[in-house]
Structures are given as C-alpha cells and as structure tokens.
PDB file of N, CA and C in Angstrom:
ATOM      1  N   GLY A   1     101.495  98.038  74.483  1.00  0.00           N
ATOM      2  CA  GLY A   1     100.950  97.018  74.961  1.00  0.00           C
ATOM      3  C   GLY A   1     101.226  96.477  76.478  1.00  0.00           C
ATOM      4  N   PHE A   2     101.210  95.766  77.296  1.00  0.00           N
ATOM      5  CA  PHE A   2     100.578  95.312  78.205  1.00  0.00           C
ATOM      6  C   PHE A   2     102.246  95.330  78.927  1.00  0.00           C
ATOM      7  N   SER A   3     102.831  96.112  79.632  1.00  0.00           N
ATOM      8  CA  SER A   3     104.639  95.671  80.556  1.00  0.00           C
ATOM      9  C   SER A   3     103.991  94.313  82.063  1.00  0.00           C
ATOM     10  N   MET A   4     104.715  93.947  82.353  1.00  0.00           N
ATOM     11  CA  MET A   4     104.194  93.568  83.545  1.00  0.00           C
ATOM     12  C   MET A   4     105.697  94.957  84.742  1.00  0.00           C
ATOM     13  N   MET A   5     104.838  95.006  86.119  1.00  0.00           N
ATOM     14  CA  MET A   5     105.145  95.586  86.713  1.00  0.00           C
ATOM     15  C   MET A   5     106.957  94.897  87.843  1.00  0.00           C
ATOM     16  N   THR A   6     107.624  95.101  87.745  1.00  0.00           N
ATOM     17  CA  THR A   6     108.983  95.172  88.411  1.00  0.00           C
ATOM     18  C   THR A   6     108.429  95.025  89.661  1.00  0.00           C
ATOM     19  N   ARG A   7     109.713  93.864  90.854  1.00  0.00           N
ATOM     20  CA  ARG A   7     109.172  93.657  92.024  1.00  0.00           C
ATOM     21  C   ARG A   7     109.390  94.623  92.897  1.00  0.00           C
ATOM     22  N   GLU A   8     110.321  95.745  92.600  1.00  0.00           N
ATOM     23  CA  GLU A   8     109.877  96.860  93.730  1.00  0.00           C
ATOM     24  C   GLU A   8     108.675  97.374  93.239  1.00  0.00           C
ATOM     25  N   GLN A   9     107.703  97.761  91.921  1.00  0.00           N
ATOM     26  CA  GLN A   9     106.891  98.218  91.515  1.00  0.00           C
ATOM     27  C   GLN A   9     105.436  97.384  92.099  1.00  0.00           C
ATOM     28  N   TYR A  10     105.778  96.280  92.381  1.00  0.00           N
ATOM     29  CA  TYR A  10     104.658  95.225  92.838  1.00  0.00           C
ATOM     30  C   TYR A  10     104.777  95.431  93.995  1.00  0.00           C
ATOM     31  N   LEU A  11     106.035  95.689  95.162  1.00  0.00           N
ATOM     32  CA  LEU A  11     105.956  95.772  96.324  1.00  0.00           C
ATOM     33  C   LEU A  11     105.848  97.485  96.901  1.00  0.00           C
ATOM     34  N   LEU A  12     106.047  98.376  96.315  1.00  0.00           N
ATOM     35  CA  LEU A  12     105.463  99.758  96.773  1.00  0.00           C
ATOM     36  C   LEU A  12     103.899  99.695  96.120  1.00  0.00           C
ATOM     37  N   GLY A  13     103.374  98.673  95.664  1.00  0.00           N
ATOM     38  CA  GLY A  13     101.861  98.860  95.439  1.00  0.00           C
ATOM     39  C   GLY A  13     101.120  97.973  96.696  1.00  0.00           C
ATOM     40  N   LYS A  14     101.776  96.723  97.042  1.00  0.00           N
ATOM     41  CA  LYS A  14     102.067  96.434  98.406  1.00  0.00           C
ATOM     42  C   LYS A  14     101.769  96.908  99.482  1.00  0.00           C
ATOM     43  N   LEU A  15     102.150  98.306  99.425  1.00  0.00           N
ATOM     44  CA  LEU A  15     102.917  98.990 100.524  1.00  0.00           C
ATOM     45  C   LEU A  15     102.027  99.851 100.321  1.00  0.00           C
ATOM     46  N   ALA A  16     101.111 100.999  99.675  1.00  0.00           N
ATOM     47  CA  ALA A  16     100.016 101.430  99.013  1.00  0.00           C
ATOM     48  C   ALA A  16      98.733 101.018  99.884  1.00  0.00           C
ATOM     49  N   GLU A  17      99.121  98.878  99.928  1.00  0.00           N
ATOM     50  CA  GLU A  17      97.769  98.819  99.988  1.00  0.00           C
ATOM     51  C   GLU A  17      97.154  98.149 101.495  1.00  0.00           C
ATOM     52  N   GLU A  18      98.865  98.236 102.558  1.00  0.00           N
ATOM     53  CA  GLU A  18      98.975  98.063 103.726  1.00  0.00           C
ATOM     54  C   GLU A  18      98.333  99.651 103.876  1.00  0.00           C
ATOM     55  N   ALA A  19      99.440 100.248 103.621  1.00  0.00           N
ATOM     56  CA  ALA A  19      98.600 102.075 104.063  1.00  0.00           C
ATOM     57  C   ALA A  19      97.482 102.871 104.698  1.00  0.00           C
ATOM     58  N   LEU A  20      96.765 101.817 102.825  1.00  0.00           N
ATOM     59  CA  LEU A  20      95.198 101.664 103.134  1.00  0.00           C
ATOM     60  C   LEU A  20      94.451 101.088 104.411  1.00  0.00           C
ATOM     61  N   GLU A  21      95.084  99.828 104.132  1.00  0.00           N
ATOM     62  CA  GLU A  21      94.448  98.945 105.470  1.00  0.00           C
ATOM     63  C   GLU A  21      94.601  99.398 106.941  1.00  0.00           C
ATOM     64  N   VAL A  22      96.175 100.052 106.819  1.00  0.00           N
ATOM     65  CA  VAL A  22      96.441 100.589 108.562  1.00  0.00           C
ATOM     66  C   VAL A  22      95.197 101.863 108.331  1.00  0.00           C
ATOM     67  N   ALA A  23      95.126 102.784 107.386  1.00  0.00           N
ATOM     68  CA  ALA A  23      93.822 103.535 107.463  1.00  0.00           C
ATOM     69  C   ALA A  23      92.183 103.164 107.844  1.00  0.00           C
ATOM     70  N   HIS A  24      91.725 101.717 107.621  1.00  0.00           N
ATOM     71  CA  HIS A  24      90.592 101.739 107.406  1.00  0.00           C
ATOM     72  C   HIS A  24      90.848 101.396 108.901  1.00  0.00           C
ATOM     73  N   MET A  25      91.075 100.422 109.395  1.00  0.00           N
ATOM     74  CA  MET A  25      91.326  99.737 110.366  1.00  0.00           C
ATOM     75  C   MET A  25      91.149 101.003 111.592  1.00  0.00           C
ATOM     76  N   ALA A  26      92.191 102.263 111.793  1.00  0.00           N
ATOM     77  CA  ALA A  26      92.101 103.686 112.104  1.00  0.00           C
ATOM     78  C   ALA A  26      91.203 103.636 112.512  1.00  0.00           C
ATOM     79  N   LEU A  27      90.605 103.585 110.978  1.00  0.00           N
ATOM     80  CA  LEU A  27      89.004 104.563 111.346  1.00  0.00           C
ATOM     81  C   LEU A  27      87.527 104.048 111.642  1.00  0.00           C
ATOM     82  N   LYS A  28      87.445 102.483 111.902  1.00  0.00           N
ATOM     83  CA  LYS A  28      86.678 101.458 112.349  1.00  0.00           C
ATOM     84  C   LYS A  28      87.155 102.154 113.922  1.00  0.00           C
ATOM     85  N   CYS A  29      88.305 102.203 114.515  1.00  0.00           N
ATOM     86  CA  CYS A  29      88.701 102.650 115.817  1.00  0.00           C
ATOM     87  C   CYS A  29      88.045 103.760 116.384  1.00  0.00           C
ATOM     88  N   VAL A  30      88.386 104.695 115.370  1.00  0.00           N
ATOM     89  CA  VAL A  30      87.423 105.847 115.530  1.00  0.00           C
ATOM     90  C   VAL A  30      85.913 105.618 115.997  1.00  0.00           C
ATOM     91  N   GLN A  31      85.850 105.013 115.086  1.00  0.00           N
ATOM     92  CA  GLN A  31      83.706 104.763 114.855  1.00  0.00           C
ATOM     93  C   GLN A  31      83.392 104.068 115.846  1.00  0.00           C
ATOM     94  N   PHE A  32      84.245 102.882 116.168  1.00  0.00           N
ATOM     95  CA  PHE A  32      83.808 101.889 117.531  1.00  0.00           C
ATOM     96  C   PHE A  32      84.365 102.279 118.332  1.00  0.00           C
ATOM     97  N   GLY A  33      85.610 102.181 119.081  1.00  0.00           N
ATOM     98  CA  GLY A  33      87.140 101.998 119.847  1.00  0.00           C
ATOM     99  C   GLY A  33      87.769 100.759 119.680  1.00  0.00           C
ATOM    100  N   LEU A  34      88.878 101.301 121.126  1.00  0.00           N
ATOM    101  CA  LEU A  34      89.508 100.695 120.389  1.00  0.00           C
ATOM    102  C   LEU A  34      89.735  98.975 120.979  1.00  0.00           C
ATOM    103  N   ALA A  35      88.967  99.376 122.467  1.00  0.00           N
ATOM    104  CA  ALA A  35      88.461  97.910 123.040  1.00  0.00           C
ATOM    105  C   ALA A  35      87.166  96.723 122.416  1.00  0.00           C
ATOM    106  N   GLU A  36      86.237  97.589 121.721  1.00  0.00           N
ATOM    107  CA  GLU A  36      85.312  97.105 121.018  1.00  0.00           C
ATOM    108  C   GLU A  36      85.892  95.584 119.905  1.00  0.00           C
ATOM    109  N   VAL A  37      85.334  94.728 119.892  1.00  0.00           N
ATOM    110  CA  VAL A  37      85.999  93.550 119.581  1.00  0.00           C
ATOM    111  C   VAL A  37      84.768  93.347 118.545  1.00  0.00           C
ATOM    112  N   CYS A  38      85.375  93.712 117.030  1.00  0.00           N
ATOM    113  CA  CYS A  38      83.462  92.866 116.406  1.00  0.00           C
ATOM    114  C   CYS A  38      83.479  91.995 115.796  1.00  0.00           C
ATOM    115  N   PRO A  39      81.616  91.677 115.919  1.00  0.00           N
ATOM    116  CA  PRO A  39      81.054  90.734 115.997  1.00  0.00           C
ATOM    117  C   PRO A  39      82.278  89.611 114.794  1.00  0.00           C
ATOM    118  N   GLY A  40      82.654  88.591 115.284  1.00  0.00           N
ATOM    119  CA  GLY A  40      83.167  87.808 114.435  1.00  0.00           C
ATOM    120  C   GLY A  40      83.869  87.548 113.971  1.00  0.00           C
ATOM    121  N   GLN A  41      85.216  88.704 115.085  1.00  0.00           N
ATOM    122  CA  GLN A  41      86.105  88.420 115.736  1.00  0.00           C
ATOM    123  C   GLN A  41      86.769  87.930 116.910  1.00  0.00           C
ATOM    124  N   ASP A  42      87.645  87.815 116.756  1.00  0.00           N
ATOM    125  CA  ASP A  42      88.776  87.145 117.949  1.00  0.00           C
ATOM    126  C   ASP A  42      89.339  88.955 118.588  1.00  0.00           C
ATOM    127  N   LEU A  43      90.154  89.792 117.896  1.00  0.00           N
ATOM    128  CA  LEU A  43      91.050  90.682 119.243  1.00  0.00           C
ATOM    129  C   LEU A  43      89.903  92.077 118.235  1.00  0.00           C
ATOM    130  N   THR A  44      90.936  92.566 119.333  1.00  0.00           N
ATOM    131  CA  THR A  44      89.945  94.196 119.077  1.00  0.00           C
ATOM    132  C   THR A  44      90.271  95.273 118.186  1.00  0.00           C
ATOM    133  N   ASN A  45      90.047  95.698 118.641  1.00  0.00           N
ATOM    134  CA  ASN A  45      90.142  96.798 117.054  1.00  0.00           C
ATOM    135  C   ASN A  45      91.352  97.668 116.969  1.00  0.00           C
ATOM    136  N   LEU A  46      92.309  97.554 118.689  1.00  0.00           N
ATOM    137  CA  LEU A  46      93.634  97.969 118.532  1.00  0.00           C
ATOM    138  C   LEU A  46      94.311  97.038 118.413  1.00  0.00           C
ATOM    139  N   GLU A  47      94.237  95.878 118.807  1.00  0.00           N
ATOM    140  CA  GLU A  47      94.845  94.986 117.981  1.00  0.00           C
ATOM    141  C   GLU A  47      94.809  94.353 116.414  1.00  0.00           C
ATOM    142  N   ARG A  48      94.088  94.833 115.999  1.00  0.00           N
ATOM    143  CA  ARG A  48      94.102  94.167 115.013  1.00  0.00           C
ATOM    144  C   ARG A  48      94.642  96.008 113.834  1.00  0.00           C
ATOM    145  N   LEU A  49      94.707  96.628 114.384  1.00  0.00           N
ATOM    146  CA  LEU A  49      95.340  97.808 113.810  1.00  0.00           C
ATOM    147  C   LEU A  49      96.700  98.005 114.268  1.00  0.00           C
ATOM    148  N   ASN A  50      96.946  97.040 115.095  1.00  0.00           N
ATOM    149  CA  ASN A  50      98.653  96.566 115.502  1.00  0.00           C
ATOM    150  C   ASN A  50      99.135  95.850 115.099  1.00  0.00           C
ATOM    151  N   SER A  51      98.312  95.234 114.130  1.00  0.00           N
ATOM    152  CA  SER A  51      98.223  94.373 113.047  1.00  0.00           C
ATOM    153  C   SER A  51      98.408  94.953 111.461  1.00  0.00           C
ATOM    154  N   GLU A  52      97.887  95.598 111.467  1.00  0.00           N
ATOM    155  CA  GLU A  52      97.846  95.521 110.388  1.00  0.00           C
ATOM    156  C   GLU A  52      99.563  96.868 109.793  1.00  0.00           C
ATOM    157  N   ILE A  53      99.867  97.829 110.931  1.00  0.00           N
ATOM    158  CA  ILE A  53     100.851  98.390 111.055  1.00  0.00           C
ATOM    159  C   ILE A  53     101.953  97.041 111.154  1.00  0.00           C
ATOM    160  N   VAL A  54     102.325  96.354 111.753  1.00  0.00           N
ATOM    161  CA  VAL A  54     102.677  95.691 111.623  1.00  0.00           C
ATOM    162  C   VAL A  54     103.122  94.782 109.856  1.00  0.00           C
ATOM    163  N   ASP A  55     101.889  94.491 109.259  1.00  0.00           N
ATOM    164  CA  ASP A  55     101.557  94.243 107.920  1.00  0.00           C
ATOM    165  C   ASP A  55     102.793  95.503 106.690  1.00  0.00           C
ATOM    166  N   TYR A  56     102.327  96.613 107.005  1.00  0.00           N
ATOM    167  CA  TYR A  56     102.644  97.905 106.472  1.00  0.00           C
ATOM    168  C   TYR A  56     104.036  98.093 107.088  1.00  0.00           C
ATOM    169  N   GLU A  57     104.728  97.988 107.958  1.00  0.00           N
ATOM    170  CA  GLU A  57     106.515  97.770 108.500  1.00  0.00           C
ATOM    171  C   GLU A  57     106.990  96.285 107.680  1.00  0.00           C
ATOM    172  N   GLY A  58     106.020  94.979 107.473  1.00  0.00           N
ATOM    173  CA  GLY A  58     106.541  94.841 106.900  1.00  0.00           C
ATOM    174  C   GLY A  58     107.807  94.463 105.447  1.00  0.00           C
ATOM    175  N   VAL A  59     106.629  95.131 105.094  1.00  0.00           N
ATOM    176  CA  VAL A  59     106.648  95.941 103.782  1.00  0.00           C
ATOM    177  C   VAL A  59     107.334  96.779 103.242  1.00  0.00           C
ATOM    178  N   LEU A  60     107.906  97.529 103.640  1.00  0.00           N
ATOM    179  CA  LEU A  60     109.020  98.389 104.189  1.00  0.00           C
ATOM    180  C   LEU A  60     109.958  98.005 104.228  1.00  0.00           C
ATOM    181  N   GLN A  61     110.016  97.194 105.409  1.00  0.00           N
ATOM    182  CA  GLN A  61     111.543  96.371 105.504  1.00  0.00           C
ATOM    183  C   GLN A  61     111.953  95.225 104.422  1.00  0.00           C
ATOM    184  N   MET A  62     110.508  94.583 103.529  1.00  0.00           N
ATOM    185  CA  MET A  62     111.190  94.145 102.319  1.00  0.00           C
ATOM    186  C   MET A  62     111.886  95.392 100.953  1.00  0.00           C
ATOM    187  N   LEU A  63     110.942  96.435 100.670  1.00  0.00           N
ATOM    188  CA  LEU A  63     111.569  97.308 100.509  1.00  0.00           C
ATOM    189  C   LEU A  63     112.736  97.506 101.037  1.00  0.00           C
ATOM    190  N   SER A  64     113.109  98.087 101.866  1.00  0.00           N
ATOM    191  CA  SER A  64     114.576  98.368 102.683  1.00  0.00           C
ATOM    192  C   SER A  64     116.004  97.428 101.715  1.00  0.00           C
ATOM    193  N   ASP A  65     115.461  96.050 102.825  1.00  0.00           N
ATOM    194  CA  ASP A  65     116.061  94.888 102.138  1.00  0.00           C
ATOM    195  C   ASP A  65     116.558  94.956 100.883  1.00  0.00           C
ATOM    196  N   GLU A  66     115.589  94.814  99.923  1.00  0.00           N
ATOM    197  CA  GLU A  66     116.285  94.358  98.735  1.00  0.00           C
ATOM    198  C   GLU A  66     116.333  96.057  97.786  1.00  0.00           C
ATOM    199  N   TYR A  67     116.153  96.696  98.441  1.00  0.00           N
ATOM    200  CA  TYR A  67     116.525  97.952  97.351  1.00  0.00           C
ATOM    201  C   TYR A  67     117.835  99.228  98.313  1.00  0.00           C
ATOM    202  N   ALA A  68     118.344  98.542  98.747  1.00  0.00           N
ATOM    203  CA  ALA A  68     118.630  99.757  99.887  1.00  0.00           C
ATOM    204  C   ALA A  68     120.153  99.745  98.777  1.00  0.00           C
ATOM    205  N   VAL A  69     120.835  98.789  98.300  1.00  0.00           N
ATOM    206  CA  VAL A  69     122.124  99.653  97.472  1.00  0.00           C
ATOM    207  C   VAL A  69     121.637 100.777  96.280  1.00  0.00           C
ATOM    208  N   MET A  70     119.477 100.609  96.352  1.00  0.00           N
ATOM    209  CA  MET A  70     119.686 102.204  95.046  1.00  0.00           C
ATOM    210  C   MET A  70     119.208 103.316  96.096  1.00  0.00           C
ATOM    211  N   HIS A  71     118.006 102.701  96.495  1.00  0.00           N
ATOM    212  CA  HIS A  71     117.737 103.809  97.182  1.00  0.00           C
ATOM    213  C   HIS A  71     117.287 103.714  98.849  1.00  0.00           C
ATOM    214  N   ASP A  72     117.357 104.258  99.787  1.00  0.00           N
ATOM    215  CA  ASP A  72     117.486 104.163 101.226  1.00  0.00           C
ATOM    216  C   ASP A  72     116.102 105.105 101.516  1.00  0.00           C
ATOM    217  N   PHE A  73     115.502 103.382 102.022  1.00  0.00           N
ATOM    218  CA  PHE A  73     113.664 103.292 102.354  1.00  0.00           C
ATOM    219  C   PHE A  73     113.842 103.546 103.984  1.00  0.00           C
ATOM    220  N   THR A  74     115.562 103.770 104.901  1.00  0.00           N
ATOM    221  CA  THR A  74     115.098 103.943 105.940  1.00  0.00           C
ATOM    222  C   THR A  74     115.891 105.437 106.483  1.00  0.00           C
ATOM    223  N   MET A  75     115.805 105.679 107.386  1.00  0.00           N
ATOM    224  CA  MET A  75     116.546 107.494 107.927  1.00  0.00           C
ATOM    225  C   MET A  75     117.418 106.983 108.167  1.00  0.00           C
ATOM    226  N   ASP A  76     118.336 107.384 108.468  1.00  0.00           N
ATOM    227  CA  ASP A  76     119.207 107.838 109.812  1.00  0.00           C
ATOM    228  C   ASP A  76     119.205 107.738 110.779  1.00  0.00           C
ATOM    229  N   PRO A  77     119.435 107.279 112.374  1.00  0.00           N
ATOM    230  CA  PRO A  77     118.166 107.204 113.424  1.00  0.00           C
ATOM    231  C   PRO A  77     118.587 108.526 113.742  1.00  0.00           C
ATOM    232  N   VAL A  78     119.345 109.354 113.149  1.00  0.00           N
ATOM    233  CA  VAL A  78     118.495 110.986 114.855  1.00  0.00           C
ATOM    234  C   VAL A  78     118.051 111.689 113.401  1.00  0.00           C
ATOM    235  N   ALA A  79     118.227 111.626 112.195  1.00  0.00           N
ATOM    236  CA  ALA A  79     117.142 112.293 111.460  1.00  0.00           C
ATOM    237  C   ALA A  79     115.879 111.638 111.308  1.00  0.00           C
ATOM    238  N   TYR A  80     115.582 110.332 111.864  1.00  0.00           N
ATOM    239  CA  TYR A  80     114.713 109.836 112.480  1.00  0.00           C
ATOM    240  C   TYR A  80     113.519 110.160 113.275  1.00  0.00           C
ATOM    241  N   CYS A  81     114.587 110.429 114.170  1.00  0.00           N
ATOM    242  CA  CYS A  81     114.054 110.925 115.668  1.00  0.00           C
ATOM    243  C   CYS A  81     113.858 112.284 115.136  1.00  0.00           C
ATOM    244  N   ALA A  82     114.704 113.076 114.929  1.00  0.00           N
ATOM    245  CA  ALA A  82     114.064 113.834 114.403  1.00  0.00           C
ATOM    246  C   ALA A  82     112.681 114.536 113.889  1.00  0.00           C
ATOM    247  N   ALA A  83     112.883 113.769 112.729  1.00  0.00           N
ATOM    248  CA  ALA A  83     111.194 114.050 112.130  1.00  0.00           C
ATOM    249  C   ALA A  83     110.181 113.613 112.388  1.00  0.00           C
ATOM    250  N   LEU A  84     110.682 112.169 113.611  1.00  0.00           N
ATOM    251  CA  LEU A  84     109.618 112.881 114.130  1.00  0.00           C
ATOM    252  C   LEU A  84     108.358 112.787 115.388  1.00  0.00           C
ATOM    253  N   GLY A  85     109.994 113.256 116.207  1.00  0.00           N
ATOM    254  CA  GLY A  85     109.506 115.219 116.813  1.00  0.00           C
ATOM    255  C   GLY A  85     108.834 115.742 116.078  1.00  0.00           C
ATOM    256  N   ALA A  86     109.529 115.874 115.502  1.00  0.00           N
ATOM    257  CA  ALA A  86     108.554 117.462 113.831  1.00  0.00           C
ATOM    258  C   ALA A  86     107.622 116.901 114.076  1.00  0.00           C
ATOM    259  N   LYS A  87     107.376 116.049 113.174  1.00  0.00           N
ATOM    260  CA  LYS A  87     105.559 115.274 113.506  1.00  0.00           C
ATOM    261  C   LYS A  87     104.473 114.902 114.441  1.00  0.00           C
ATOM    262  N   ILE A  88     105.119 115.218 115.920  1.00  0.00           N
ATOM    263  CA  ILE A  88     104.687 115.400 116.731  1.00  0.00           C
ATOM    264  C   ILE A  88     104.031 116.629 116.989  1.00  0.00           C
ATOM    265  N   LEU A  89     105.092 117.536 117.407  1.00  0.00           N
ATOM    266  CA  LEU A  89     104.888 118.941 117.057  1.00  0.00           C
ATOM    267  C   LEU A  89     103.852 119.208 116.312  1.00  0.00           C
ATOM    268  N   LYS A  90     103.598 119.103 114.953  1.00  0.00           N
ATOM    269  CA  LYS A  90     102.831 119.516 113.846  1.00  0.00           C
ATOM    270  C   LYS A  90     101.176 119.348 114.246  1.00  0.00           C
ATOM    271  N   VAL A  91     101.566 118.100 114.060  1.00  0.00           N
ATOM    272  CA  VAL A  91      99.943 116.998 114.784  1.00  0.00           C
ATOM    273  C   VAL A  91      99.207 117.867 115.945  1.00  0.00           C
ATOM    274  N   ASN A  92     100.459 117.940 117.182  1.00  0.00           N
ATOM    275  CA  ASN A  92      99.693 118.978 118.496  1.00  0.00           C
ATOM    276  C   ASN A  92      99.248 120.156 117.878  1.00  0.00           C
ATOM    277  N   LYS A  93      99.894 121.223 117.000  1.00  0.00           N
ATOM    278  CA  LYS A  93      99.708 122.435 117.167  1.00  0.00           C
ATOM    279  C   LYS A  93      98.159 122.235 115.830  1.00  0.00           C
ATOM    280  N   TYR A  94      98.340 121.261 115.099  1.00  0.00           N
ATOM    281  CA  TYR A  94      96.870 121.652 114.258  1.00  0.00           C
ATOM    282  C   TYR A  94      95.828 120.769 115.286  1.00  0.00           C
ATOM    283  N   TYR A  95      95.821 119.981 116.453  1.00  0.00           N
ATOM    284  CA  TYR A  95      95.147 120.002 117.276  1.00  0.00           C
ATOM    285  C   TYR A  95      94.067 120.738 118.284  1.00  0.00           C
ATOM    286  N   GLU A  96      95.555 121.318 118.657  1.00  0.00           N
ATOM    287  CA  GLU A  96      95.307 122.495 119.387  1.00  0.00           C
ATOM    288  C   GLU A  96      94.717 123.688 118.502  1.00  0.00           C
ATOM    289  N   HIS A  97      94.630 123.768 117.523  1.00  0.00           N
ATOM    290  CA  HIS A  97      93.938 125.215 116.332  1.00  0.00           C
ATOM    291  C   HIS A  97      92.821 124.701 116.533  1.00  0.00           C
ATOM    292  N   SER A  98      92.292 122.825 116.276  1.00  0.00           N
ATOM    293  CA  SER A  98      91.382 122.155 116.206  1.00  0.00           C
ATOM    294  C   SER A  98      90.318 122.570 117.245  1.00  0.00           C
ATOM    295  N   ARG A  99      90.751 122.845 118.294  1.00  0.00           N
ATOM    296  CA  ARG A  99      90.193 122.838 119.800  1.00  0.00           C
ATOM    297  C   ARG A  99      89.858 124.311 120.155  1.00  0.00           C
ATOM    298  N   SER A 100      91.001 125.205 119.806  1.00  0.00           N
ATOM    299  CA  SER A 100      90.394 126.369 119.893  1.00  0.00           C
ATOM    300  C   SER A 100      89.339 126.396 118.667  1.00  0.00           C
ATOM    301  N   LEU A 101      88.887 126.487 117.140  1.00  0.00           N
ATOM    302  CA  LEU A 101      87.527 126.697 116.934  1.00  0.00           C
ATOM    303  C   LEU A 101      86.585 125.312 117.470  1.00  0.00           C
ATOM    304  N   GLY A 102      86.130 124.642 117.799  1.00  0.00           N
ATOM    305  CA  GLY A 102      85.456 123.806 118.832  1.00  0.00           C
ATOM    306  C   GLY A 102      85.364 123.102 117.907  1.00  0.00           C
ATOM    307  N   ARG A 103      85.905 122.457 117.913  1.00  0.00           N
ATOM    308  CA  ARG A 103      85.875 120.985 116.838  1.00  0.00           C
ATOM    309  C   ARG A 103      85.975 119.552 117.641  1.00  0.00           C
ATOM    310  N   VAL A 104      87.448 119.874 118.364  1.00  0.00           N
ATOM    311  CA  VAL A 104      87.786 118.566 119.462  1.00  0.00           C
ATOM    312  C   VAL A 104      87.406 118.996 120.575  1.00  0.00           C
ATOM    313  N   GLU A 105      87.552 117.979 121.500  1.00  0.00           N
ATOM    314  CA  GLU A 105      87.292 118.573 123.312  1.00  0.00           C
ATOM    315  C   GLU A 105      88.935 118.659 123.358  1.00  0.00           C
TER     316      GLU A 105
END
C-alpha cells in the first residue's frame, strides 16, 4: 500500500523543486536577459533568480538544521572553498573548450 513520506523525504523533494525553479529562472535570464522585467512582474530577472536561490538555500538550511545528527548537509568551510574553486576551474575549462569550437563568444 501507500506509505507517507517522512519529513526528510518531503524536504528533499522541496530541495529538488527549488533547484528546478533556480534552473527555470536561470534559463529565463539566458533568454530575456538579467535586467528585463517580465510583463506582470515587479522584479528584474536577476532579482527573481536571486530569490529562487535564496529559496533553495532556505530548504538546504532546513535539511542541515534538522538532520545534522544523521547527515552532514554542510561541508567543512575549507573543503567547501576547495570544492567551489575546483568547480570554477572546471566550468572555465569547458567554457574555453566550447570557445575553441566556436560555440560561445
């Protein structure tokens, strides 16, 4: 039969939902630009993107706060900085590869 979600499962689902909303808004920024204000909206696309990022980080913080005993949702600050730096290098590497193929400016 049907079993109900645990709170952990619910929050993980919310995290995925918020990640999709960040992705959706980022793609809107690609299509329409960061400064554009969509008809019917009061905020620029960048402001809306930042809002979605905050929503994602809020759910991540809830997971971290509630399940820190069982799972470590936050990284050690030194490991976080190293991982962040590695990601930036990786994105720039593939950007340069795309540029060498004439796919980006």
